[in-house]
Amino acid sequence: MSELFIAELRRLQWERIAQLMAREEVAAYVPSHDFVRSATKSSVCSG
């Protein structure tokens, strides 16, 4: 199998997982939320 084909299969698999997580209301990790929290903690600690 080509790398492109494998990548497409993985993408489809992750789409199915994301749909399941949304349906089951599973908490999802969002990296941008960590940045906001750490920035807020830094400004509170240094202030």
C-alpha atoms as a PDB file:
ATOM      1  CA  MET A   1       0.000   0.000   0.000  1.00  0.00           C
ATOM      2  CA  SER A   2       1.177   3.494  -0.736  1.00  0.00           C
ATOM      3  CA  GLU A   3       1.819   6.013   2.046  1.00  0.00           C
ATOM      4  CA  LEU A   4      -0.942   8.228   0.680  1.00  0.00           C
ATOM      5  CA  PHE A   5      -3.457   5.380   0.859  1.00  0.00           C
ATOM      6  CA  ILE A   6      -2.407   4.529   4.427  1.00  0.00           C
ATOM      7  CA  ALA A   7      -2.726   8.192   5.416  1.00  0.00           C
ATOM      8  CA  GLU A   8      -6.229   8.321   3.962  1.00  0.00           C
ATOM      9  CA  LEU A   9      -7.242   5.189   5.885  1.00  0.00           C
ATOM     10  CA  ARG A  10      -5.909   6.714   9.110  1.00  0.00           C
ATOM     11  CA  ARG A  11      -7.781   9.966   8.438  1.00  0.00           C
ATOM     12  CA  LEU A  12     -11.030   8.062   7.940  1.00  0.00           C
ATOM     13  CA  GLN A  13     -10.399   6.102  11.132  1.00  0.00           C
ATOM     14  CA  TRP A  14      -9.840   9.306  13.127  1.00  0.00           C
ATOM     15  CA  GLU A  15     -13.011  10.824  11.667  1.00  0.00           C
ATOM     16  CA  ARG A  16     -14.968   7.802  12.916  1.00  0.00           C
ATOM     17  CA  ILE A  17     -13.346   8.105  16.346  1.00  0.00           C
ATOM     18  CA  ALA A  18     -14.163  11.836  16.492  1.00  0.00           C
ATOM     19  CA  GLN A  19     -17.806  11.138  15.598  1.00  0.00           C
ATOM     20  CA  LEU A  20     -18.027   8.484  18.297  1.00  0.00           C
ATOM     21  CA  MET A  21     -16.455  10.798  20.880  1.00  0.00           C
ATOM     22  CA  ALA A  22     -18.910  13.566  19.959  1.00  0.00           C
ATOM     23  CA  ARG A  23     -21.848  11.170  20.165  1.00  0.00           C
ATOM     24  CA  GLU A  24     -20.711   9.810  23.537  1.00  0.00           C
ATOM     25  CA  GLU A  25     -19.805  13.336  24.733  1.00  0.00           C
ATOM     26  CA  VAL A  26     -16.274  12.304  25.615  1.00  0.00           C
ATOM     27  CA  ALA A  27     -14.038  15.168  26.648  1.00  0.00           C
ATOM     28  CA  ALA A  28     -11.534  15.976  23.927  1.00  0.00           C
ATOM     29  CA  TYR A  29      -8.047  17.385  24.422  1.00  0.00           C
ATOM     30  CA  VAL A  30      -7.627  20.842  22.908  1.00  0.00           C
ATOM     31  CA  PRO A  31      -4.006  22.087  22.948  1.00  0.00           C
ATOM     32  CA  SER A  32      -5.038  25.743  22.641  1.00  0.00           C
ATOM     33  CA  HIS A  33      -6.881  25.462  25.961  1.00  0.00           C
ATOM     34  CA  ASP A  34      -3.640  24.466  27.699  1.00  0.00           C
ATOM     35  CA  PHE A  35      -1.935  27.556  26.304  1.00  0.00           C
ATOM     36  CA  VAL A  36      -4.698  29.826  27.602  1.00  0.00           C
ATOM     37  CA  ARG A  37      -4.644  28.208  31.036  1.00  0.00           C
ATOM     38  CA  SER A  38      -0.866  28.336  31.353  1.00  0.00           C
ATOM     39  CA  ALA A  39      -0.787  31.962  30.161  1.00  0.00           C
ATOM     40  CA  THR A  40      -3.466  32.875  32.704  1.00  0.00           C
ATOM     41  CA  LYS A  41      -1.603  31.122  35.510  1.00  0.00           C
ATOM     42  CA  SER A  42       1.642  32.867  34.539  1.00  0.00           C
ATOM     43  CA  SER A  43       0.057  36.312  34.574  1.00  0.00           C
ATOM     44  CA  VAL A  44      -1.643  35.619  37.916  1.00  0.00           C
ATOM     45  CA  CYS A  45       1.548  34.275  39.500  1.00  0.00           C
ATOM     46  CA  SER A  46       3.740  37.095  38.241  1.00  0.00           C
ATOM     47  CA  GLY A  47       1.154  39.813  39.037  1.00  0.00           C
END
